Amino acid sequence: GWHRQALTVRFPGTDGTSGIASCTADVNHSTGNTTGTPINGFCTDHAGNRTDATYTLKYDASPPELTPAPSREPDRNDWYNRELTVRFPGTDATSGIATCTADQRYSTPDSAAASVPGLCTDRAGNTTTRAFGFKYDGTAPLVNGAVAQRPPEPSGWYVSPVNFDFVGSDALAGIDVCPDVDYDGPDGAAVFVSGRCVDKAGNVGEGLFPLKYDDTGPGVRAVATRDPDVNGWYNDPLTVRFVGSDDASGLASCVPPQEYGGPDTVFGVLTGTCRDNAGNVGLGSLAVMYDATAPQVDGASADRAPDGNGWYNRPLTVSFHGSDA
């Protein structure tokens, strides 16, 4: 019932008796939207009779307003990195909206010039087409390498915490940041430092890079080659050897066995070290009680006095008194 192009309203009349004398001239309309303007006309016959007629004009030549609207804000730096919905809300001040494109979901492909088109049509048949343009990157960047801020030990092992910088690449949005990472364990010959890079669209890529790390000295046990002589004491020289173990880089060497033969002591300590393949040193010790000096006999005493004139004529008991430092 709507016009959207220029038109002419005519008022043709007929009269079967006296005939038509005159009718309202054609009325042209090409501008001015209206929801119902009456255009009046009439015809008169030769007998002077008149008939009036009205044509109610609904005219809308203006396309509807349409501004595509995304369902949410960009994820980072004006980029989207996950699915979004584009809506197409339309308005029309004269004839009203008839239809608009349904909501459109977008998740692929990646593009720096992505576009989702839509349209709205008003009740007069006018159509407006608009597209929502945006930048879309849903692909994580690559973490291409890890660069340690210092070299490992000559053995190829790191023996203390080390900082790594990471290098990344992203074909579309570009790299925003690759945070550096401190590695301080666990120990192992095949451990990995984990790094990540974030592109300008907010996507995160991760990478694992191997290294050899051992900041723990080997375990060392000091072992005597024989048991104590008596009551936990040694009274003759003994030999102590040093046994090491290392679960990460492995054992490289231990000091030679040590011999102890004095001085006498209640608390003697024999200490030795072992080194692992990463260069860490472990310490082990053994406490020994050592006394190679015989005690002194300080004196003797009878359990009773002599029987007569300094002589004993019956059995007696003699006790001996000694000391040991």
C-alpha atoms as a PDB file:
ATOM      1  CA  GLY A   1       0.000   0.000   0.000  1.00  0.00           C
ATOM      2  CA  TRP A   2       3.018   2.291  -0.110  1.00  0.00           C
ATOM      3  CA  HIS A   3       4.527   4.274  -2.949  1.00  0.00           C
ATOM      4  CA  ARG A   4       8.250   4.932  -3.040  1.00  0.00           C
ATOM      5  CA  GLN A   5       8.631   6.386  -6.574  1.00  0.00           C
ATOM      6  CA  ALA A   6       7.135   9.418  -8.296  1.00  0.00           C
ATOM      7  CA  LEU A   7       3.472   8.907  -9.231  1.00  0.00           C
ATOM      8  CA  THR A   8       0.475  10.692 -10.758  1.00  0.00           C
ATOM      9  CA  VAL A   9      -3.021  10.591  -9.281  1.00  0.00           C
ATOM     10  CA  ARG A  10      -5.698  10.866 -11.946  1.00  0.00           C
ATOM     11  CA  PHE A  11      -9.446  11.367 -11.606  1.00  0.00           C
ATOM     12  CA  PRO A  12     -11.046   9.770 -14.653  1.00  0.00           C
ATOM     13  CA  GLY A  13     -14.846  10.117 -14.779  1.00  0.00           C
ATOM     14  CA  THR A  14     -17.657   8.606 -16.857  1.00  0.00           C
ATOM     15  CA  ASP A  15     -21.267   9.658 -17.255  1.00  0.00           C
ATOM     16  CA  GLY A  16     -23.759   7.672 -19.316  1.00  0.00           C
ATOM     17  CA  THR A  17     -26.356  10.431 -19.772  1.00  0.00           C
ATOM     18  CA  SER A  18     -25.083  13.960 -20.187  1.00  0.00           C
ATOM     19  CA  GLY A  19     -21.418  13.064 -20.346  1.00  0.00           C
ATOM     20  CA  ILE A  20     -18.429  14.416 -18.497  1.00  0.00           C
ATOM     21  CA  ALA A  21     -17.877  18.096 -18.533  1.00  0.00           C
ATOM     22  CA  SER A  22     -14.618  18.278 -16.527  1.00  0.00           C
ATOM     23  CA  CYS A  23     -12.473  16.416 -13.951  1.00  0.00           C
ATOM     24  CA  THR A  24      -9.714  17.504 -11.607  1.00  0.00           C
ATOM     25  CA  ALA A  25      -6.392  17.654 -13.371  1.00  0.00           C
ATOM     26  CA  ASP A  26      -3.720  15.020 -12.691  1.00  0.00           C
ATOM     27  CA  VAL A  27      -1.810  15.511  -9.464  1.00  0.00           C
ATOM     28  CA  ASN A  28       1.903  14.603  -9.532  1.00  0.00           C
ATOM     29  CA  HIS A  29       3.830  13.582  -6.372  1.00  0.00           C
ATOM     30  CA  SER A  30       7.580  12.924  -6.198  1.00  0.00           C
ATOM     31  CA  THR A  31       8.774  14.389  -2.886  1.00  0.00           C
ATOM     32  CA  GLY A  32       7.604  14.488   0.681  1.00  0.00           C
ATOM     33  CA  ASN A  33       7.115  11.336   2.674  1.00  0.00           C
ATOM     34  CA  THR A  34       3.675  10.905   4.149  1.00  0.00           C
ATOM     35  CA  THR A  35       1.801   8.287   6.067  1.00  0.00           C
ATOM     36  CA  GLY A  36      -1.606   9.245   4.625  1.00  0.00           C
ATOM     37  CA  THR A  37      -2.143  12.492   2.750  1.00  0.00           C
ATOM     38  CA  PRO A  38      -5.571  12.866   1.105  1.00  0.00           C
ATOM     39  CA  ILE A  39      -5.509  13.967  -2.533  1.00  0.00           C
ATOM     40  CA  ASN A  40      -8.958  15.231  -3.451  1.00  0.00           C
ATOM     41  CA  GLY A  41     -10.531  15.487  -6.888  1.00  0.00           C
ATOM     42  CA  PHE A  42     -13.954  15.587  -8.574  1.00  0.00           C
ATOM     43  CA  CYS A  43     -15.712  15.268 -11.887  1.00  0.00           C
ATOM     44  CA  THR A  44     -18.716  17.299 -13.189  1.00  0.00           C
ATOM     45  CA  ASP A  45     -21.114  16.179 -15.925  1.00  0.00           C
ATOM     46  CA  HIS A  46     -22.826  18.438 -18.463  1.00  0.00           C
ATOM     47  CA  ALA A  47     -25.927  18.522 -16.322  1.00  0.00           C
ATOM     48  CA  GLY A  48     -23.945  20.083 -13.461  1.00  0.00           C
ATOM     49  CA  ASN A  49     -23.823  17.019 -11.294  1.00  0.00           C
ATOM     50  CA  ARG A  50     -20.540  16.608  -9.286  1.00  0.00           C
ATOM     51  CA  THR A  51     -18.864  13.594  -7.758  1.00  0.00           C
ATOM     52  CA  ASP A  52     -15.949  13.973  -5.314  1.00  0.00           C
ATOM     53  CA  ALA A  53     -13.218  11.341  -4.760  1.00  0.00           C
ATOM     54  CA  THR A  54     -10.224  11.126  -2.434  1.00  0.00           C
ATOM     55  CA  TYR A  55      -7.051   9.071  -2.828  1.00  0.00           C
ATOM     56  CA  THR A  56      -5.142   8.620   0.408  1.00  0.00           C
ATOM     57  CA  LEU A  57      -1.454   8.644  -0.458  1.00  0.00           C
ATOM     58  CA  LYS A  58       1.142   6.732   1.589  1.00  0.00           C
ATOM     59  CA  TYR A  59       4.550   7.725   0.268  1.00  0.00           C
ATOM     60  CA  ASP A  60       8.029   6.769   1.537  1.00  0.00           C
ATOM     61  CA  ALA A  61      11.021   7.252  -0.736  1.00  0.00           C
ATOM     62  CA  SER A  62      13.613   7.246   2.047  1.00  0.00           C
ATOM     63  CA  PRO A  63      15.613   4.106   2.813  1.00  0.00           C
ATOM     64  CA  PRO A  64      15.636   2.931   6.423  1.00  0.00           C
ATOM     65  CA  GLU A  65      18.437   3.746   8.830  1.00  0.00           C
ATOM     66  CA  LEU A  66      20.780   0.840   9.560  1.00  0.00           C
ATOM     67  CA  THR A  67      23.853   0.737  11.773  1.00  0.00           C
ATOM     68  CA  PRO A  68      25.260  -2.788  12.256  1.00  0.00           C
ATOM     69  CA  ALA A  69      26.168  -3.451  15.881  1.00  0.00           C
ATOM     70  CA  PRO A  70      28.529  -6.113  17.286  1.00  0.00           C
ATOM     71  CA  SER A  71      27.396  -8.034  20.367  1.00  0.00           C
ATOM     72  CA  ARG A  72      30.506  -7.045  22.338  1.00  0.00           C
ATOM     73  CA  GLU A  73      33.629  -4.917  22.339  1.00  0.00           C
ATOM     74  CA  PRO A  74      36.873  -6.098  20.664  1.00  0.00           C
ATOM     75  CA  ASP A  75      39.057  -8.380  22.766  1.00  0.00           C
ATOM     76  CA  ARG A  76      42.326  -6.455  22.508  1.00  0.00           C
ATOM     77  CA  ASN A  77      43.752  -3.555  20.510  1.00  0.00           C
ATOM     78  CA  ASP A  78      40.596  -3.331  18.351  1.00  0.00           C
ATOM     79  CA  TRP A  79      40.918  -7.022  17.411  1.00  0.00           C
ATOM     80  CA  TYR A  80      38.412  -9.806  17.982  1.00  0.00           C
ATOM     81  CA  ASN A  81      39.861 -13.229  18.773  1.00  0.00           C
ATOM     82  CA  ARG A  82      36.717 -15.276  19.428  1.00  0.00           C
ATOM     83  CA  GLU A  83      33.231 -15.603  18.046  1.00  0.00           C
ATOM     84  CA  LEU A  84      31.038 -12.530  17.949  1.00  0.00           C
ATOM     85  CA  THR A  85      27.522 -11.776  16.771  1.00  0.00           C
ATOM     86  CA  VAL A  86      26.656  -8.887  14.486  1.00  0.00           C
ATOM     87  CA  ARG A  87      23.145  -7.493  14.771  1.00  0.00           C
ATOM     88  CA  PHE A  88      21.332  -5.352  12.195  1.00  0.00           C
ATOM     89  CA  PRO A  89      18.881  -3.037  13.973  1.00  0.00           C
ATOM     90  CA  GLY A  90      16.958  -0.814  11.577  1.00  0.00           C
ATOM     91  CA  THR A  91      14.630   2.157  11.973  1.00  0.00           C
ATOM     92  CA  ASP A  92      12.329   3.895   9.520  1.00  0.00           C
ATOM     93  CA  ALA A  93      10.456   7.057  10.463  1.00  0.00           C
ATOM     94  CA  THR A  94       7.724   6.803   7.828  1.00  0.00           C
ATOM     95  CA  SER A  95       6.595   3.362   6.755  1.00  0.00           C
ATOM     96  CA  GLY A  96       8.420   1.403   9.448  1.00  0.00           C
ATOM     97  CA  ILE A  97      10.726  -1.590   9.209  1.00  0.00           C
ATOM     98  CA  ALA A  98       9.502  -4.677   7.421  1.00  0.00           C
ATOM     99  CA  THR A  99      12.519  -6.986   7.778  1.00  0.00           C
ATOM    100  CA  CYS A 100      16.202  -6.900   8.717  1.00  0.00           C
ATOM    101  CA  THR A 101      18.932  -9.477   8.339  1.00  0.00           C
ATOM    102  CA  ALA A 102      18.972 -11.904  11.242  1.00  0.00           C
ATOM    103  CA  ASP A 103      21.873 -11.831  13.709  1.00  0.00           C
ATOM    104  CA  GLN A 104      25.039 -13.166  12.078  1.00  0.00           C
ATOM    105  CA  ARG A 105      27.701 -15.122  14.006  1.00  0.00           C
ATOM    106  CA  TYR A 106      31.326 -14.834  12.951  1.00  0.00           C
ATOM    107  CA  SER A 107      34.262 -17.026  13.987  1.00  0.00           C
ATOM    108  CA  THR A 108      36.293 -17.568  10.831  1.00  0.00           C
ATOM    109  CA  PRO A 109      38.301 -16.806   8.731  1.00  0.00           C
ATOM    110  CA  ASP A 110      40.990 -14.617  10.249  1.00  0.00           C
ATOM    111  CA  SER A 111      41.234 -11.296   8.478  1.00  0.00           C
ATOM    112  CA  ALA A 112      42.453  -7.782   9.089  1.00  0.00           C
ATOM    113  CA  ALA A 113      39.472  -6.601   7.017  1.00  0.00           C
ATOM    114  CA  ALA A 114      36.663  -8.963   7.992  1.00  0.00           C
ATOM    115  CA  SER A 115      33.142  -7.889   7.061  1.00  0.00           C
ATOM    116  CA  VAL A 116      29.617  -9.082   7.824  1.00  0.00           C
ATOM    117  CA  PRO A 117      26.948  -7.572   5.509  1.00  0.00           C
ATOM    118  CA  GLY A 118      23.265  -7.120   6.245  1.00  0.00           C
ATOM    119  CA  LEU A 119      20.239  -5.158   5.102  1.00  0.00           C
ATOM    120  CA  CYS A 120      16.925  -3.750   6.248  1.00  0.00           C
ATOM    121  CA  THR A 121      13.806  -3.179   4.149  1.00  0.00           C
ATOM    122  CA  ASP A 122      10.999  -0.818   5.111  1.00  0.00           C
ATOM    123  CA  ARG A 123       7.295  -1.382   4.423  1.00  0.00           C
ATOM    124  CA  ALA A 124       7.542   0.722   1.300  1.00  0.00           C
ATOM    125  CA  GLY A 125      10.185  -1.606  -0.126  1.00  0.00           C
ATOM    126  CA  ASN A 126      13.151   0.730   0.341  1.00  0.00           C
ATOM    127  CA  THR A 127      16.329  -1.161   1.230  1.00  0.00           C
ATOM    128  CA  THR A 128      19.518  -0.163   3.008  1.00  0.00           C
ATOM    129  CA  THR A 129      22.590  -2.393   2.935  1.00  0.00           C
ATOM    130  CA  ARG A 130      25.396  -1.970   5.436  1.00  0.00           C
ATOM    131  CA  ALA A 131      28.390  -4.078   6.428  1.00  0.00           C
ATOM    132  CA  PHE A 132      30.170  -4.229   9.769  1.00  0.00           C
ATOM    133  CA  GLY A 133      33.913  -4.188   9.213  1.00  0.00           C
ATOM    134  CA  PHE A 134      36.355  -5.364  11.862  1.00  0.00           C
ATOM    135  CA  LYS A 135      39.675  -7.100  12.505  1.00  0.00           C
ATOM    136  CA  TYR A 136      39.565 -10.777  13.472  1.00  0.00           C
ATOM    137  CA  ASP A 137      42.401 -13.080  14.530  1.00  0.00           C
ATOM    138  CA  GLY A 138      41.561 -16.288  16.392  1.00  0.00           C
ATOM    139  CA  THR A 139      44.895 -18.019  15.812  1.00  0.00           C
ATOM    140  CA  ALA A 140      47.478 -18.238  18.587  1.00  0.00           C
ATOM    141  CA  PRO A 141      50.970 -16.912  17.791  1.00  0.00           C
ATOM    142  CA  LEU A 142      54.002 -19.150  17.536  1.00  0.00           C
ATOM    143  CA  VAL A 143      56.684 -19.217  20.223  1.00  0.00           C
ATOM    144  CA  ASN A 144      59.740 -19.706  18.033  1.00  0.00           C
ATOM    145  CA  GLY A 145      62.593 -19.783  20.511  1.00  0.00           C
ATOM    146  CA  ALA A 146      63.960 -19.209  23.983  1.00  0.00           C
ATOM    147  CA  VAL A 147      67.111 -17.185  24.613  1.00  0.00           C
ATOM    148  CA  ALA A 148      68.877 -17.577  27.950  1.00  0.00           C
ATOM    149  CA  GLN A 149      70.363 -14.370  29.342  1.00  0.00           C
ATOM    150  CA  ARG A 150      73.581 -16.238  30.185  1.00  0.00           C
ATOM    151  CA  PRO A 151      75.235 -19.419  28.889  1.00  0.00           C
ATOM    152  CA  PRO A 152      75.270 -22.691  30.837  1.00  0.00           C
ATOM    153  CA  GLU A 153      78.306 -23.965  32.667  1.00  0.00           C
ATOM    154  CA  PRO A 154      81.064 -25.533  30.513  1.00  0.00           C
ATOM    155  CA  SER A 155      79.457 -28.872  31.338  1.00  0.00           C
ATOM    156  CA  GLY A 156      76.326 -27.763  29.490  1.00  0.00           C
ATOM    157  CA  TRP A 157      74.302 -27.562  32.694  1.00  0.00           C
ATOM    158  CA  TYR A 158      72.685 -24.610  34.421  1.00  0.00           C
ATOM    159  CA  VAL A 159      73.433 -24.739  38.136  1.00  0.00           C
ATOM    160  CA  SER A 160      71.489 -21.673  39.324  1.00  0.00           C
ATOM    161  CA  PRO A 161      68.288 -19.856  38.299  1.00  0.00           C
ATOM    162  CA  VAL A 162      68.411 -18.481  34.764  1.00  0.00           C
ATOM    163  CA  ASN A 163      66.196 -15.961  32.951  1.00  0.00           C
ATOM    164  CA  PHE A 164      64.865 -16.716  29.460  1.00  0.00           C
ATOM    165  CA  ASP A 165      63.583 -14.311  26.804  1.00  0.00           C
ATOM    166  CA  PHE A 166      61.174 -15.726  24.225  1.00  0.00           C
ATOM    167  CA  VAL A 167      60.859 -14.933  20.543  1.00  0.00           C
ATOM    168  CA  GLY A 168      57.487 -15.241  18.813  1.00  0.00           C
ATOM    169  CA  SER A 169      55.796 -14.578  15.502  1.00  0.00           C
ATOM    170  CA  ASP A 170      52.234 -13.928  14.353  1.00  0.00           C
ATOM    171  CA  ALA A 171      51.277 -13.684  10.714  1.00  0.00           C
ATOM    172  CA  LEU A 172      48.250 -11.409  11.109  1.00  0.00           C
ATOM    173  CA  ALA A 173      47.855  -9.263  14.221  1.00  0.00           C
ATOM    174  CA  GLY A 174      51.548  -9.321  15.130  1.00  0.00           C
ATOM    175  CA  ILE A 175      53.266 -10.000  18.451  1.00  0.00           C
ATOM    176  CA  ASP A 176      52.357  -7.805  21.388  1.00  0.00           C
ATOM    177  CA  VAL A 177      54.525  -9.245  24.180  1.00  0.00           C
ATOM    178  CA  CYS A 178      56.554 -12.344  25.117  1.00  0.00           C
ATOM    179  CA  PRO A 179      57.183 -12.150  28.892  1.00  0.00           C
ATOM    180  CA  ASP A 180      60.549 -13.387  30.143  1.00  0.00           C
ATOM    181  CA  VAL A 181      60.625 -16.327  32.577  1.00  0.00           C
ATOM    182  CA  ASP A 182      62.956 -17.332  35.404  1.00  0.00           C
ATOM    183  CA  TYR A 183      63.718 -21.055  35.573  1.00  0.00           C
ATOM    184  CA  ASP A 184      64.743 -22.439  38.964  1.00  0.00           C
ATOM    185  CA  GLY A 185      63.750 -26.099  38.869  1.00  0.00           C
ATOM    186  CA  PRO A 186      63.040 -28.924  38.860  1.00  0.00           C
ATOM    187  CA  ASP A 187      66.422 -30.536  38.233  1.00  0.00           C
ATOM    188  CA  GLY A 188      66.826 -32.887  35.301  1.00  0.00           C
ATOM    189  CA  ALA A 189      68.700 -33.748  32.147  1.00  0.00           C
ATOM    190  CA  ALA A 190      65.559 -33.322  30.024  1.00  0.00           C
ATOM    191  CA  VAL A 191      63.500 -30.592  31.656  1.00  0.00           C
ATOM    192  CA  PHE A 192      61.688 -27.783  29.863  1.00  0.00           C
ATOM    193  CA  VAL A 193      61.201 -24.083  30.331  1.00  0.00           C
ATOM    194  CA  SER A 194      57.715 -22.969  29.291  1.00  0.00           C
ATOM    195  CA  GLY A 195      57.257 -19.655  27.506  1.00  0.00           C
ATOM    196  CA  ARG A 196      54.319 -17.833  26.000  1.00  0.00           C
ATOM    197  CA  CYS A 197      53.694 -15.024  23.555  1.00  0.00           C
ATOM    198  CA  VAL A 198      50.597 -12.848  23.257  1.00  0.00           C
ATOM    199  CA  ASP A 199      49.627 -11.350  19.917  1.00  0.00           C
ATOM    200  CA  LYS A 200      47.941  -7.971  19.525  1.00  0.00           C
ATOM    201  CA  ALA A 201      44.567  -9.681  19.270  1.00  0.00           C
ATOM    202  CA  GLY A 202      45.051 -11.258  22.712  1.00  0.00           C
ATOM    203  CA  ASN A 203      45.694 -14.833  21.566  1.00  0.00           C
ATOM    204  CA  VAL A 204      48.245 -16.744  23.640  1.00  0.00           C
ATOM    205  CA  GLY A 205      50.739 -19.222  22.211  1.00  0.00           C
ATOM    206  CA  GLU A 206      52.928 -21.486  24.312  1.00  0.00           C
ATOM    207  CA  GLY A 207      56.170 -23.342  23.711  1.00  0.00           C
ATOM    208  CA  LEU A 208      58.433 -25.733  25.617  1.00  0.00           C
ATOM    209  CA  PHE A 209      62.214 -25.584  25.277  1.00  0.00           C
ATOM    210  CA  PRO A 210      64.639 -28.163  26.730  1.00  0.00           C
ATOM    211  CA  LEU A 211      67.517 -27.460  29.056  1.00  0.00           C
ATOM    212  CA  LYS A 212      69.740 -29.309  31.536  1.00  0.00           C
ATOM    213  CA  TYR A 213      69.364 -27.974  35.048  1.00  0.00           C
ATOM    214  CA  ASP A 214      70.920 -29.098  38.314  1.00  0.00           C
ATOM    215  CA  ASP A 215      71.402 -26.730  41.222  1.00  0.00           C
ATOM    216  CA  THR A 216      71.582 -29.470  43.857  1.00  0.00           C
ATOM    217  CA  GLY A 217      74.845 -30.931  45.068  1.00  0.00           C
ATOM    218  CA  PRO A 218      75.183 -34.713  45.145  1.00  0.00           C
ATOM    219  CA  GLY A 219      74.287 -36.638  48.249  1.00  0.00           C
ATOM    220  CA  VAL A 220      77.412 -37.834  50.087  1.00  0.00           C
ATOM    221  CA  ARG A 221      77.738 -40.605  52.659  1.00  0.00           C
ATOM    222  CA  ALA A 222      80.883 -41.080  54.742  1.00  0.00           C
ATOM    223  CA  VAL A 223      81.330 -44.795  55.497  1.00  0.00           C
ATOM    224  CA  ALA A 224      83.913 -46.400  57.814  1.00  0.00           C
ATOM    225  CA  THR A 225      85.537 -49.507  56.331  1.00  0.00           C
ATOM    226  CA  ARG A 226      85.114 -51.401  59.614  1.00  0.00           C
ATOM    227  CA  ASP A 227      83.019 -51.384  62.755  1.00  0.00           C
ATOM    228  CA  PRO A 228      84.139 -49.708  66.019  1.00  0.00           C
ATOM    229  CA  ASP A 229      86.427 -51.845  68.225  1.00  0.00           C
ATOM    230  CA  VAL A 230      84.372 -51.775  71.415  1.00  0.00           C
ATOM    231  CA  ASN A 231      81.481 -49.798  72.891  1.00  0.00           C
ATOM    232  CA  GLY A 232      81.328 -47.587  69.799  1.00  0.00           C
ATOM    233  CA  TRP A 233      84.985 -46.568  70.146  1.00  0.00           C
ATOM    234  CA  TYR A 234      87.836 -47.049  67.753  1.00  0.00           C
ATOM    235  CA  ASN A 235      91.243 -47.757  69.315  1.00  0.00           C
ATOM    236  CA  ASP A 236      93.167 -48.462  66.104  1.00  0.00           C
ATOM    237  CA  PRO A 237      93.395 -46.443  62.904  1.00  0.00           C
ATOM    238  CA  LEU A 238      90.395 -46.671  60.581  1.00  0.00           C
ATOM    239  CA  THR A 239      89.656 -45.681  56.966  1.00  0.00           C
ATOM    240  CA  VAL A 240      86.610 -43.681  55.859  1.00  0.00           C
ATOM    241  CA  ARG A 241      85.495 -43.624  52.218  1.00  0.00           C
ATOM    242  CA  PHE A 242      83.001 -41.246  50.622  1.00  0.00           C
ATOM    243  CA  VAL A 243      80.120 -42.501  48.505  1.00  0.00           C
ATOM    244  CA  GLY A 244      78.047 -40.081  46.388  1.00  0.00           C
ATOM    245  CA  SER A 245      74.836 -40.150  44.338  1.00  0.00           C
ATOM    246  CA  ASP A 246      73.144 -37.593  42.083  1.00  0.00           C
ATOM    247  CA  ASP A 247      69.758 -38.068  40.399  1.00  0.00           C
ATOM    248  CA  ALA A 248      70.028 -35.189  37.914  1.00  0.00           C
ATOM    249  CA  SER A 249      73.398 -34.787  36.210  1.00  0.00           C
ATOM    250  CA  GLY A 250      74.994 -37.881  37.748  1.00  0.00           C
ATOM    251  CA  LEU A 251      78.070 -38.333  39.898  1.00  0.00           C
ATOM    252  CA  ALA A 252      81.451 -37.225  38.535  1.00  0.00           C
ATOM    253  CA  SER A 253      83.916 -37.945  41.364  1.00  0.00           C
ATOM    254  CA  CYS A 254      84.493 -38.183  45.116  1.00  0.00           C
ATOM    255  CA  VAL A 255      87.604 -37.429  47.186  1.00  0.00           C
ATOM    256  CA  PRO A 256      89.889 -40.400  48.037  1.00  0.00           C
ATOM    257  CA  PRO A 257      89.332 -42.356  51.298  1.00  0.00           C
ATOM    258  CA  GLN A 258      90.722 -40.776  54.459  1.00  0.00           C
ATOM    259  CA  GLU A 259      92.582 -42.556  57.290  1.00  0.00           C
ATOM    260  CA  TYR A 260      92.196 -41.551  60.922  1.00  0.00           C
ATOM    261  CA  GLY A 261      94.695 -42.523  63.594  1.00  0.00           C
ATOM    262  CA  GLY A 262      94.472 -39.729  66.113  1.00  0.00           C
ATOM    263  CA  PRO A 263      94.391 -37.626  68.071  1.00  0.00           C
ATOM    264  CA  ASP A 264      92.159 -39.184  70.690  1.00  0.00           C
ATOM    265  CA  THR A 265      88.781 -37.482  70.792  1.00  0.00           C
ATOM    266  CA  VAL A 266      85.246 -37.946  71.949  1.00  0.00           C
ATOM    267  CA  PHE A 267      83.976 -36.258  68.782  1.00  0.00           C
ATOM    268  CA  GLY A 268      86.171 -36.580  65.722  1.00  0.00           C
ATOM    269  CA  VAL A 269      84.772 -35.628  62.343  1.00  0.00           C
ATOM    270  CA  LEU A 270      86.007 -36.926  58.991  1.00  0.00           C
ATOM    271  CA  THR A 271      84.712 -34.837  56.072  1.00  0.00           C
ATOM    272  CA  GLY A 272      84.833 -35.363  52.328  1.00  0.00           C
ATOM    273  CA  THR A 273      83.162 -34.116  49.153  1.00  0.00           C
ATOM    274  CA  CYS A 274      81.740 -35.426  45.886  1.00  0.00           C
ATOM    275  CA  ARG A 275      81.128 -33.507  42.655  1.00  0.00           C
ATOM    276  CA  ASP A 276      78.363 -34.090  40.113  1.00  0.00           C
ATOM    277  CA  ASN A 277      78.609 -33.680  36.337  1.00  0.00           C
ATOM    278  CA  ALA A 278      77.077 -30.203  36.538  1.00  0.00           C
ATOM    279  CA  GLY A 279      79.868 -29.056  38.866  1.00  0.00           C
ATOM    280  CA  ASN A 280      77.872 -28.964  42.111  1.00  0.00           C
ATOM    281  CA  VAL A 281      79.697 -30.130  45.244  1.00  0.00           C
ATOM    282  CA  GLY A 282      78.158 -32.156  48.067  1.00  0.00           C
ATOM    283  CA  LEU A 283      79.582 -32.631  51.560  1.00  0.00           C
ATOM    284  CA  GLY A 284      79.535 -35.735  53.762  1.00  0.00           C
ATOM    285  CA  SER A 285      80.984 -36.420  57.213  1.00  0.00           C
ATOM    286  CA  LEU A 286      81.314 -39.161  59.812  1.00  0.00           C
ATOM    287  CA  ALA A 287      81.671 -38.591  63.538  1.00  0.00           C
ATOM    288  CA  VAL A 288      83.985 -41.064  65.335  1.00  0.00           C
ATOM    289  CA  MET A 289      85.026 -41.665  68.919  1.00  0.00           C
ATOM    290  CA  TYR A 290      88.732 -42.525  68.961  1.00  0.00           C
ATOM    291  CA  ASP A 291      90.971 -43.527  71.890  1.00  0.00           C
ATOM    292  CA  ALA A 292      94.268 -45.359  71.222  1.00  0.00           C
ATOM    293  CA  THR A 293      95.843 -44.516  74.585  1.00  0.00           C
ATOM    294  CA  ALA A 294      95.845 -47.122  77.413  1.00  0.00           C
ATOM    295  CA  PRO A 295      94.393 -46.036  80.756  1.00  0.00           C
ATOM    296  CA  GLN A 296      96.645 -45.297  83.752  1.00  0.00           C
ATOM    297  CA  VAL A 297      96.666 -47.423  86.942  1.00  0.00           C
ATOM    298  CA  ASP A 298      96.754 -44.843  89.677  1.00  0.00           C
ATOM    299  CA  GLY A 299      97.057 -47.151  92.716  1.00  0.00           C
ATOM    300  CA  ALA A 300      96.061 -50.303  94.650  1.00  0.00           C
ATOM    301  CA  SER A 301      94.493 -50.843  98.076  1.00  0.00           C
ATOM    302  CA  ALA A 302      93.778 -53.848 100.334  1.00  0.00           C
ATOM    303  CA  ASP A 303      90.317 -54.376 101.708  1.00  0.00           C
ATOM    304  CA  ARG A 304      91.696 -54.734 105.258  1.00  0.00           C
ATOM    305  CA  ALA A 305      94.690 -54.021 107.432  1.00  0.00           C
ATOM    306  CA  PRO A 306      97.629 -56.468 107.800  1.00  0.00           C
ATOM    307  CA  ASP A 307      97.244 -59.219 110.453  1.00  0.00           C
ATOM    308  CA  GLY A 308     100.453 -58.432 112.372  1.00  0.00           C
ATOM    309  CA  ASN A 309     103.700 -56.582 111.958  1.00  0.00           C
ATOM    310  CA  GLY A 310     102.756 -55.559 108.358  1.00  0.00           C
ATOM    311  CA  TRP A 311     102.107 -59.151 107.389  1.00  0.00           C
ATOM    312  CA  TYR A 312      98.903 -60.786 106.097  1.00  0.00           C
ATOM    313  CA  ASN A 313      98.333 -64.370 107.230  1.00  0.00           C
ATOM    314  CA  ARG A 314      94.899 -64.740 105.753  1.00  0.00           C
ATOM    315  CA  PRO A 315      93.506 -64.086 102.201  1.00  0.00           C
ATOM    316  CA  LEU A 316      92.830 -60.484 101.299  1.00  0.00           C
ATOM    317  CA  THR A 317      91.453 -58.546  98.348  1.00  0.00           C
ATOM    318  CA  VAL A 318      93.477 -55.891  96.585  1.00  0.00           C
ATOM    319  CA  SER A 319      91.585 -53.262  94.484  1.00  0.00           C
ATOM    320  CA  PHE A 320      93.261 -51.278  91.681  1.00  0.00           C
ATOM    321  CA  HIS A 321      92.338 -47.696  90.765  1.00  0.00           C
ATOM    322  CA  GLY A 322      92.751 -46.299  87.237  1.00  0.00           C
ATOM    323  CA  SER A 323      91.950 -43.218  85.125  1.00  0.00           C
ATOM    324  CA  ASP A 324      91.461 -42.432  81.419  1.00  0.00           C
ATOM    325  CA  ALA A 325      91.195 -38.957  80.010  1.00  0.00           C
END
